Protein backbone atom coordinates (compact mmCIF):
# COMPACT_ATOMS: atom_id res chain seq x y z
CA MET A 1 -1.87 -79.91 -44.19
CA SER A 2 0.65 -79.41 -41.44
CA ALA A 3 0.60 -76.53 -39.01
CA VAL A 4 2.44 -73.38 -39.94
CA GLU A 5 3.39 -70.94 -37.23
CA VAL A 6 4.65 -67.43 -37.88
CA GLU A 7 5.32 -64.49 -35.61
CA ILE A 8 4.98 -60.98 -36.92
CA PRO A 9 6.11 -57.90 -34.97
CA TRP A 10 3.18 -55.77 -36.13
CA ILE A 11 -0.05 -54.84 -34.44
CA PRO A 12 -2.66 -53.72 -36.95
CA PRO A 13 -5.02 -50.88 -36.01
CA THR A 14 -8.28 -51.68 -34.26
CA LEU A 15 -11.57 -52.07 -36.11
CA ASN A 16 -12.67 -48.55 -35.11
CA VAL A 17 -9.60 -47.09 -36.77
CA VAL A 18 -9.85 -49.32 -39.85
CA LEU A 19 -13.51 -48.41 -40.44
CA ARG A 20 -12.54 -44.74 -40.72
CA LEU A 21 -9.78 -45.34 -43.28
CA HIS A 22 -10.05 -44.76 -47.00
CA TRP A 23 -10.24 -48.01 -48.99
CA SER A 24 -6.76 -47.47 -50.43
CA LYS A 25 -5.26 -47.27 -46.92
CA ARG A 26 -7.12 -50.46 -45.94
CA THR A 27 -5.58 -52.12 -48.99
CA LYS A 28 -2.15 -50.98 -47.81
CA LEU A 29 -2.82 -52.62 -44.44
CA THR A 30 -3.30 -55.96 -46.23
CA GLN A 31 -0.09 -55.34 -48.20
CA THR A 32 1.73 -54.58 -44.95
CA ALA A 33 0.43 -57.81 -43.40
CA ALA A 34 1.59 -59.73 -46.49
CA MET A 35 5.04 -58.14 -46.22
CA TYR A 36 5.33 -59.24 -42.59
CA LEU A 37 4.14 -62.76 -43.45
CA LEU A 38 6.78 -62.97 -46.19
CA ALA A 39 9.46 -61.70 -43.80
CA ALA A 40 8.37 -64.36 -41.28
CA GLY A 41 8.94 -67.08 -43.86
CA LEU A 42 5.40 -67.75 -45.12
CA ARG A 43 5.41 -68.45 -48.86
CA PRO A 44 2.49 -68.52 -51.30
CA GLN A 45 0.98 -71.95 -51.86
CA GLN A 46 -2.25 -73.67 -52.83
CA THR A 47 -4.44 -75.39 -50.25
CA PRO A 48 -6.11 -78.64 -51.22
CA PHE A 49 -9.48 -78.00 -52.85
CA GLY A 50 -12.20 -77.81 -50.21
CA ALA A 51 -9.76 -77.65 -47.30
CA ARG A 52 -10.73 -75.51 -44.31
CA VAL A 53 -7.93 -73.82 -42.40
CA ARG A 54 -7.65 -72.72 -38.79
CA VAL A 55 -5.98 -69.41 -38.01
CA THR A 56 -5.10 -68.54 -34.44
CA VAL A 57 -3.88 -65.06 -33.62
CA GLN A 58 -2.33 -64.03 -30.33
CA MET A 59 -2.19 -60.28 -30.17
CA TYR A 60 -0.44 -58.36 -27.43
CA ARG A 61 -1.55 -54.74 -27.16
CA LYS A 62 -0.56 -52.04 -24.73
CA ASN A 63 -4.23 -51.07 -24.42
CA PRO A 64 -6.44 -54.17 -24.65
CA THR A 65 -9.37 -54.06 -27.04
CA ASP A 66 -12.68 -55.89 -27.08
CA ARG A 67 -13.21 -59.01 -29.19
CA ASP A 68 -14.81 -57.15 -32.11
CA GLY A 69 -11.96 -54.65 -32.24
CA ALA A 70 -9.37 -57.41 -32.17
CA GLN A 71 -11.18 -59.46 -34.84
CA GLY A 72 -11.47 -56.40 -37.07
CA ALA A 73 -7.80 -55.61 -36.54
CA CYS A 74 -6.89 -59.09 -37.79
CA LYS A 75 -8.81 -58.68 -41.07
CA PRO A 76 -5.72 -57.52 -43.04
CA ILE A 77 -3.85 -60.60 -41.78
CA PHE A 78 -6.71 -62.91 -42.80
CA ASP A 79 -6.85 -61.25 -46.22
CA ALA A 80 -3.10 -61.69 -46.68
CA ILE A 81 -3.35 -65.37 -45.70
CA ARG A 82 -6.10 -65.79 -48.29
CA ARG A 83 -4.01 -64.05 -50.96
CA PHE A 84 -1.09 -66.35 -50.18
CA GLY A 85 -3.31 -69.31 -51.06
CA TYR A 86 -3.54 -70.86 -47.60
CA ALA A 87 -7.32 -70.43 -47.57
CA ARG A 88 -9.83 -70.31 -50.36
CA ASP A 89 -11.66 -67.42 -48.69
CA ASP A 90 -11.66 -65.74 -45.30
CA SER A 91 -15.32 -66.58 -44.72
CA GLU A 92 -16.31 -68.92 -41.88
CA ARG A 93 -16.80 -71.73 -44.41
CA TRP A 94 -13.12 -71.77 -45.38
CA MET A 95 -11.28 -70.19 -42.46
CA GLU A 96 -11.80 -70.89 -38.77
CA GLN A 97 -10.67 -67.75 -36.99
């Protein structure tokens, strides 16, 4: 599979903020990430069976966060990528983050 690069002008909330949200608002974060991915030109597809994908995120924040906070903030993006069919799951087995 070839590399796909997209840029989205959205910074999701940190893990500390996400953990305090109601589940329905966390779901909306994933929907927001999917909307930005669509706007950036990413289209749903199917990955080859058993394929592992690599996702690299460069996040620029006004107030830097620690690694856990940044990883947790990216969860809606990883979920949207999974829903688009680029990864079978967002677990370490299927998605290198």
